[in-house]
């Protein structure tokens, strides 16, 4: 094969990412990830995602007998999204990924592999119980996250108000943090699934010696 064809072939098989970013959780812990091509990191939650989350929160509140105002719903949605260290999304499809790091609470024990597996299982059960969700089929499996002690992945296909969706998430632990990498794909672009999978397979955690 000629050198020019080799170069074109190599470019064709490159992952669909734009550039790498680093988010510092503390002076000892950082996360390195690559933003999928065509996606952006949101400094502030976009209105489209605020509306989606506000709708979920409204249904949750109604099931408990509450009727929050639109302003209250928007505020609650913003707080829920702001709780994550990173929010990535595709502006065309609203597919999104969140990165959340949660420090062990005072007195909380370091989780076992079994505890992490159960947390992934509970995430699936929680999703299945959400309002409007039906026909869920999910599976969990061990996952590898560079720099992490242990991680478990959960994938689910389901209907939300009769619209097909896919959830993929990784739960794991790197002392002293639980970490949660969650994604929601509205199946509006087949490329989103590939980009989400590549993201979850390449994200890494960097630990520095104290």
C-alpha atoms as a PDB file:
ATOM      1  CA  UNK A   1       0.000   0.000   0.000  1.00  0.00           C
ATOM      2  CA  UNK A   2       1.334   3.477  -0.883  1.00  0.00           C
ATOM      3  CA  UNK A   3       2.266   5.876   1.969  1.00  0.00           C
ATOM      4  CA  UNK A   4      -0.567   8.242   1.043  1.00  0.00           C
ATOM      5  CA  UNK A   5      -3.145   5.463   1.333  1.00  0.00           C
ATOM      6  CA  UNK A   6      -1.640   4.398   4.643  1.00  0.00           C
ATOM      7  CA  UNK A   7      -2.094   7.908   6.014  1.00  0.00           C
ATOM      8  CA  UNK A   8      -5.686   8.093   4.795  1.00  0.00           C
ATOM      9  CA  UNK A   9      -6.456   4.709   6.337  1.00  0.00           C
ATOM     10  CA  UNK A  10      -4.928   5.758   9.658  1.00  0.00           C
ATOM     11  CA  UNK A  11      -6.990   8.949   9.703  1.00  0.00           C
ATOM     12  CA  UNK A  12     -10.145   7.006   8.907  1.00  0.00           C
ATOM     13  CA  UNK A  13      -9.747   4.781  11.961  1.00  0.00           C
ATOM     14  CA  UNK A  14      -8.843   7.540  14.434  1.00  0.00           C
ATOM     15  CA  UNK A  15     -11.324   7.862  17.337  1.00  0.00           C
ATOM     16  CA  UNK A  16     -13.931  10.583  16.878  1.00  0.00           C
ATOM     17  CA  UNK A  17     -12.624  12.916  19.575  1.00  0.00           C
ATOM     18  CA  UNK A  18     -11.625  16.561  19.463  1.00  0.00           C
ATOM     19  CA  UNK A  19      -9.149  17.229  22.276  1.00  0.00           C
ATOM     20  CA  UNK A  20      -8.201  16.135  25.775  1.00  0.00           C
ATOM     21  CA  UNK A  21      -9.129  18.009  28.934  1.00  0.00           C
ATOM     22  CA  UNK A  22      -8.168  17.667  32.570  1.00  0.00           C
ATOM     23  CA  UNK A  23     -10.366  18.448  35.550  1.00  0.00           C
ATOM     24  CA  UNK A  24      -8.676  18.673  38.950  1.00  0.00           C
ATOM     25  CA  UNK A  25     -10.763  17.158  41.729  1.00  0.00           C
ATOM     26  CA  UNK A  26      -8.111  17.920  44.347  1.00  0.00           C
ATOM     27  CA  UNK A  27      -4.376  18.589  44.404  1.00  0.00           C
ATOM     28  CA  UNK A  28      -3.874  14.801  44.305  1.00  0.00           C
ATOM     29  CA  UNK A  29      -6.645  13.600  41.989  1.00  0.00           C
ATOM     30  CA  UNK A  30      -7.427  14.585  38.400  1.00  0.00           C
ATOM     31  CA  UNK A  31      -9.548  13.203  35.592  1.00  0.00           C
ATOM     32  CA  UNK A  32      -8.345  13.202  32.005  1.00  0.00           C
ATOM     33  CA  UNK A  33     -10.920  12.771  29.255  1.00  0.00           C
ATOM     34  CA  UNK A  34     -11.472  13.629  25.612  1.00  0.00           C
ATOM     35  CA  UNK A  35     -14.483  15.531  24.357  1.00  0.00           C
ATOM     36  CA  UNK A  36     -16.220  13.652  21.536  1.00  0.00           C
ATOM     37  CA  UNK A  37     -16.151  15.402  18.186  1.00  0.00           C
ATOM     38  CA  UNK A  38     -19.199  17.641  17.801  1.00  0.00           C
ATOM     39  CA  UNK A  39     -19.840  17.688  21.550  1.00  0.00           C
ATOM     40  CA  UNK A  40     -19.114  20.538  23.970  1.00  0.00           C
ATOM     41  CA  UNK A  41     -18.400  20.955  27.643  1.00  0.00           C
ATOM     42  CA  UNK A  42     -21.123  23.046  29.223  1.00  0.00           C
ATOM     43  CA  UNK A  43     -19.946  25.712  31.650  1.00  0.00           C
ATOM     44  CA  UNK A  44     -23.625  26.255  32.416  1.00  0.00           C
ATOM     45  CA  UNK A  45     -26.339  23.634  31.799  1.00  0.00           C
ATOM     46  CA  UNK A  46     -27.974  24.320  28.408  1.00  0.00           C
ATOM     47  CA  UNK A  47     -31.660  25.170  28.394  1.00  0.00           C
ATOM     48  CA  UNK A  48     -32.563  22.023  26.443  1.00  0.00           C
ATOM     49  CA  UNK A  49     -31.153  19.779  29.177  1.00  0.00           C
ATOM     50  CA  UNK A  50     -32.644  21.951  31.914  1.00  0.00           C
ATOM     51  CA  UNK A  51     -36.051  21.407  30.325  1.00  0.00           C
ATOM     52  CA  UNK A  52     -35.516  17.633  30.146  1.00  0.00           C
ATOM     53  CA  UNK A  53     -34.409  17.372  33.762  1.00  0.00           C
ATOM     54  CA  UNK A  54     -37.137  19.765  34.938  1.00  0.00           C
ATOM     55  CA  UNK A  55     -39.729  17.496  33.343  1.00  0.00           C
ATOM     56  CA  UNK A  56     -38.317  14.472  35.190  1.00  0.00           C
ATOM     57  CA  UNK A  57     -38.311  16.364  38.477  1.00  0.00           C
ATOM     58  CA  UNK A  58     -41.889  17.540  37.891  1.00  0.00           C
ATOM     59  CA  UNK A  59     -43.091  13.944  37.466  1.00  0.00           C
ATOM     60  CA  UNK A  60     -41.178  12.889  40.586  1.00  0.00           C
ATOM     61  CA  UNK A  61     -42.786  15.721  42.557  1.00  0.00           C
ATOM     62  CA  UNK A  62     -46.274  14.973  41.264  1.00  0.00           C
ATOM     63  CA  UNK A  63     -45.979  11.343  42.333  1.00  0.00           C
ATOM     64  CA  UNK A  64     -45.297  12.640  45.857  1.00  0.00           C
ATOM     65  CA  UNK A  65     -48.243  15.043  45.750  1.00  0.00           C
ATOM     66  CA  UNK A  66     -46.305  18.262  45.070  1.00  0.00           C
ATOM     67  CA  UNK A  67     -46.852  20.864  42.356  1.00  0.00           C
ATOM     68  CA  UNK A  68     -43.689  22.974  42.038  1.00  0.00           C
ATOM     69  CA  UNK A  69     -43.660  26.085  39.867  1.00  0.00           C
ATOM     70  CA  UNK A  70     -41.751  26.266  36.586  1.00  0.00           C
ATOM     71  CA  UNK A  71     -39.107  28.439  38.272  1.00  0.00           C
ATOM     72  CA  UNK A  72     -38.688  25.905  41.078  1.00  0.00           C
ATOM     73  CA  UNK A  73     -38.383  23.073  38.558  1.00  0.00           C
ATOM     74  CA  UNK A  74     -35.751  24.929  36.561  1.00  0.00           C
ATOM     75  CA  UNK A  75     -33.802  25.751  39.724  1.00  0.00           C
ATOM     76  CA  UNK A  76     -33.920  22.124  40.860  1.00  0.00           C
ATOM     77  CA  UNK A  77     -32.785  20.926  37.427  1.00  0.00           C
ATOM     78  CA  UNK A  78     -29.867  23.355  37.452  1.00  0.00           C
ATOM     79  CA  UNK A  79     -28.787  22.246  40.932  1.00  0.00           C
ATOM     80  CA  UNK A  80     -28.927  18.589  39.858  1.00  0.00           C
ATOM     81  CA  UNK A  81     -26.771  19.228  36.793  1.00  0.00           C
ATOM     82  CA  UNK A  82     -24.424  21.605  38.626  1.00  0.00           C
ATOM     83  CA  UNK A  83     -23.670  18.865  41.158  1.00  0.00           C
ATOM     84  CA  UNK A  84     -21.484  17.179  38.525  1.00  0.00           C
ATOM     85  CA  UNK A  85     -17.860  18.097  37.954  1.00  0.00           C
ATOM     86  CA  UNK A  86     -18.290  17.889  34.174  1.00  0.00           C
ATOM     87  CA  UNK A  87     -21.250  17.997  31.782  1.00  0.00           C
ATOM     88  CA  UNK A  88     -20.670  17.151  28.116  1.00  0.00           C
ATOM     89  CA  UNK A  89     -23.426  17.180  25.516  1.00  0.00           C
ATOM     90  CA  UNK A  90     -24.228  17.077  21.838  1.00  0.00           C
ATOM     91  CA  UNK A  91     -26.116  20.301  21.008  1.00  0.00           C
ATOM     92  CA  UNK A  92     -27.851  18.632  18.052  1.00  0.00           C
ATOM     93  CA  UNK A  93     -29.212  15.562  19.851  1.00  0.00           C
ATOM     94  CA  UNK A  94     -29.076  16.409  23.595  1.00  0.00           C
ATOM     95  CA  UNK A  95     -27.146  13.184  24.247  1.00  0.00           C
ATOM     96  CA  UNK A  96     -25.039  13.913  27.311  1.00  0.00           C
ATOM     97  CA  UNK A  97     -22.395  12.605  29.700  1.00  0.00           C
ATOM     98  CA  UNK A  98     -21.869  13.612  33.326  1.00  0.00           C
ATOM     99  CA  UNK A  99     -18.799  13.100  35.517  1.00  0.00           C
ATOM    100  CA  UNK A 100     -19.450  13.090  39.244  1.00  0.00           C
ATOM    101  CA  UNK A 101     -16.870  12.513  41.992  1.00  0.00           C
ATOM    102  CA  UNK A 102     -18.186  11.935  45.512  1.00  0.00           C
ATOM    103  CA  UNK A 103     -15.826  12.028  48.493  1.00  0.00           C
ATOM    104  CA  UNK A 104     -16.304   9.342  51.124  1.00  0.00           C
ATOM    105  CA  UNK A 105     -18.444  10.658  53.936  1.00  0.00           C
ATOM    106  CA  UNK A 106     -17.060  10.842  57.437  1.00  0.00           C
ATOM    107  CA  UNK A 107     -17.042   7.331  58.875  1.00  0.00           C
ATOM    108  CA  UNK A 108     -17.885   5.706  55.525  1.00  0.00           C
ATOM    109  CA  UNK A 109     -15.826   2.614  54.731  1.00  0.00           C
ATOM    110  CA  UNK A 110     -13.882   2.073  51.550  1.00  0.00           C
ATOM    111  CA  UNK A 111     -16.251   0.062  49.305  1.00  0.00           C
ATOM    112  CA  UNK A 112     -15.609  -3.543  48.387  1.00  0.00           C
ATOM    113  CA  UNK A 113     -15.914  -4.855  44.830  1.00  0.00           C
ATOM    114  CA  UNK A 114     -19.278  -6.286  45.876  1.00  0.00           C
ATOM    115  CA  UNK A 115     -20.451  -2.863  47.086  1.00  0.00           C
ATOM    116  CA  UNK A 116     -19.529  -1.284  43.777  1.00  0.00           C
ATOM    117  CA  UNK A 117     -21.322  -4.021  41.856  1.00  0.00           C
ATOM    118  CA  UNK A 118     -24.420  -3.493  43.987  1.00  0.00           C
ATOM    119  CA  UNK A 119     -24.273   0.258  43.387  1.00  0.00           C
ATOM    120  CA  UNK A 120     -24.336  -0.359  39.641  1.00  0.00           C
ATOM    121  CA  UNK A 121     -27.277  -2.729  40.128  1.00  0.00           C
ATOM    122  CA  UNK A 122     -29.151  -0.151  42.202  1.00  0.00           C
ATOM    123  CA  UNK A 123     -28.544   2.488  39.506  1.00  0.00           C
ATOM    124  CA  UNK A 124     -30.320   0.185  37.068  1.00  0.00           C
ATOM    125  CA  UNK A 125     -33.198  -0.424  39.452  1.00  0.00           C
ATOM    126  CA  UNK A 126     -33.553   3.301  40.078  1.00  0.00           C
ATOM    127  CA  UNK A 127     -33.694   3.975  36.344  1.00  0.00           C
ATOM    128  CA  UNK A 128     -36.306   1.275  35.843  1.00  0.00           C
ATOM    129  CA  UNK A 129     -38.521   2.871  38.509  1.00  0.00           C
ATOM    130  CA  UNK A 130     -38.420   6.342  36.978  1.00  0.00           C
ATOM    131  CA  UNK A 131     -41.709   7.757  35.722  1.00  0.00           C
ATOM    132  CA  UNK A 132     -42.365   6.979  32.069  1.00  0.00           C
ATOM    133  CA  UNK A 133     -39.738   4.228  31.821  1.00  0.00           C
ATOM    134  CA  UNK A 134     -40.805   0.857  30.422  1.00  0.00           C
ATOM    135  CA  UNK A 135     -39.380  -2.168  28.632  1.00  0.00           C
ATOM    136  CA  UNK A 136     -35.972  -1.823  30.245  1.00  0.00           C
ATOM    137  CA  UNK A 137     -33.329  -4.452  29.531  1.00  0.00           C
ATOM    138  CA  UNK A 138     -30.012  -3.956  31.254  1.00  0.00           C
ATOM    139  CA  UNK A 139     -26.765  -5.680  32.039  1.00  0.00           C
ATOM    140  CA  UNK A 140     -23.763  -5.000  34.261  1.00  0.00           C
ATOM    141  CA  UNK A 141     -20.141  -5.977  33.769  1.00  0.00           C
ATOM    142  CA  UNK A 142     -16.704  -5.207  35.120  1.00  0.00           C
ATOM    143  CA  UNK A 143     -15.135  -2.119  33.600  1.00  0.00           C
ATOM    144  CA  UNK A 144     -11.568  -0.883  33.367  1.00  0.00           C
ATOM    145  CA  UNK A 145     -10.871   2.749  34.193  1.00  0.00           C
ATOM    146  CA  UNK A 146      -7.199   3.680  34.099  1.00  0.00           C
ATOM    147  CA  UNK A 147      -6.079   4.736  37.568  1.00  0.00           C
ATOM    148  CA  UNK A 148      -9.122   3.327  39.371  1.00  0.00           C
ATOM    149  CA  UNK A 149      -9.061   0.484  41.871  1.00  0.00           C
ATOM    150  CA  UNK A 150     -12.255  -1.101  40.585  1.00  0.00           C
ATOM    151  CA  UNK A 151     -15.253  -0.167  38.426  1.00  0.00           C
ATOM    152  CA  UNK A 152     -18.486  -1.675  37.189  1.00  0.00           C
ATOM    153  CA  UNK A 153     -20.472  -0.720  34.096  1.00  0.00           C
ATOM    154  CA  UNK A 154     -24.219  -0.775  33.588  1.00  0.00           C
ATOM    155  CA  UNK A 155     -25.923  -0.503  30.187  1.00  0.00           C
ATOM    156  CA  UNK A 156     -29.658  -0.338  29.573  1.00  0.00           C
ATOM    157  CA  UNK A 157     -31.980   0.042  26.612  1.00  0.00           C
ATOM    158  CA  UNK A 158     -35.483   1.208  27.433  1.00  0.00           C
ATOM    159  CA  UNK A 159     -38.464   3.308  26.443  1.00  0.00           C
ATOM    160  CA  UNK A 160     -39.144   6.677  28.030  1.00  0.00           C
ATOM    161  CA  UNK A 161     -42.691   7.758  27.215  1.00  0.00           C
ATOM    162  CA  UNK A 162     -42.477   5.316  24.281  1.00  0.00           C
ATOM    163  CA  UNK A 163     -39.294   6.926  22.931  1.00  0.00           C
ATOM    164  CA  UNK A 164     -36.252   4.637  22.676  1.00  0.00           C
ATOM    165  CA  UNK A 165     -33.279   5.554  24.854  1.00  0.00           C
ATOM    166  CA  UNK A 166     -30.007   4.091  26.027  1.00  0.00           C
ATOM    167  CA  UNK A 167     -28.172   4.576  29.308  1.00  0.00           C
ATOM    168  CA  UNK A 168     -24.536   3.662  29.904  1.00  0.00           C
ATOM    169  CA  UNK A 169     -22.757   4.331  33.162  1.00  0.00           C
ATOM    170  CA  UNK A 170     -19.658   3.394  35.103  1.00  0.00           C
ATOM    171  CA  UNK A 171     -19.488   3.382  38.896  1.00  0.00           C
ATOM    172  CA  UNK A 172     -16.198   2.848  40.674  1.00  0.00           C
ATOM    173  CA  UNK A 173     -13.812   3.917  43.388  1.00  0.00           C
ATOM    174  CA  UNK A 174     -10.436   5.608  43.591  1.00  0.00           C
ATOM    175  CA  UNK A 175      -9.515   6.608  47.135  1.00  0.00           C
ATOM    176  CA  UNK A 176     -11.089   8.672  48.598  1.00  0.00           C
ATOM    177  CA  UNK A 177     -13.735   9.111  45.885  1.00  0.00           C
ATOM    178  CA  UNK A 178     -16.644   7.228  44.466  1.00  0.00           C
ATOM    179  CA  UNK A 179     -16.982   8.148  40.801  1.00  0.00           C
ATOM    180  CA  UNK A 180     -19.993   8.084  38.499  1.00  0.00           C
ATOM    181  CA  UNK A 181     -19.707   8.482  34.722  1.00  0.00           C
ATOM    182  CA  UNK A 182     -23.263   8.525  33.346  1.00  0.00           C
ATOM    183  CA  UNK A 183     -24.530   8.955  29.804  1.00  0.00           C
ATOM    184  CA  UNK A 184     -27.970   9.282  28.214  1.00  0.00           C
ATOM    185  CA  UNK A 185     -28.450   8.735  24.493  1.00  0.00           C
ATOM    186  CA  UNK A 186     -31.744   9.732  22.852  1.00  0.00           C
ATOM    187  CA  UNK A 187     -30.806   7.687  19.745  1.00  0.00           C
ATOM    188  CA  UNK A 188     -31.132  10.640  17.399  1.00  0.00           C
ATOM    189  CA  UNK A 189     -27.689  10.025  15.884  1.00  0.00           C
ATOM    190  CA  UNK A 190     -26.106   6.541  15.652  1.00  0.00           C
ATOM    191  CA  UNK A 191     -22.669   8.141  16.107  1.00  0.00           C
ATOM    192  CA  UNK A 192     -23.527   9.170  19.673  1.00  0.00           C
ATOM    193  CA  UNK A 193     -23.398   5.587  20.933  1.00  0.00           C
ATOM    194  CA  UNK A 194     -19.929   5.043  19.470  1.00  0.00           C
ATOM    195  CA  UNK A 195     -18.668   8.315  20.906  1.00  0.00           C
ATOM    196  CA  UNK A 196     -20.091   7.554  24.351  1.00  0.00           C
ATOM    197  CA  UNK A 197     -18.497   4.097  24.356  1.00  0.00           C
ATOM    198  CA  UNK A 198     -15.142   5.542  23.307  1.00  0.00           C
ATOM    199  CA  UNK A 199     -15.404   8.158  26.038  1.00  0.00           C
ATOM    200  CA  UNK A 200     -16.102   5.580  28.727  1.00  0.00           C
ATOM    201  CA  UNK A 201     -13.275   3.370  27.471  1.00  0.00           C
ATOM    202  CA  UNK A 202     -10.644   6.118  27.398  1.00  0.00           C
ATOM    203  CA  UNK A 203     -11.371   8.288  30.453  1.00  0.00           C
ATOM    204  CA  UNK A 204      -8.628   8.011  33.082  1.00  0.00           C
ATOM    205  CA  UNK A 205      -7.973   9.069  36.663  1.00  0.00           C
ATOM    206  CA  UNK A 206      -4.589  10.439  37.693  1.00  0.00           C
ATOM    207  CA  UNK A 207      -3.445  10.057  41.310  1.00  0.00           C
ATOM    208  CA  UNK A 208      -0.417  11.952  42.581  1.00  0.00           C
ATOM    209  CA  UNK A 209       1.645  10.939  45.585  1.00  0.00           C
ATOM    210  CA  UNK A 210       0.995  13.153  48.637  1.00  0.00           C
END
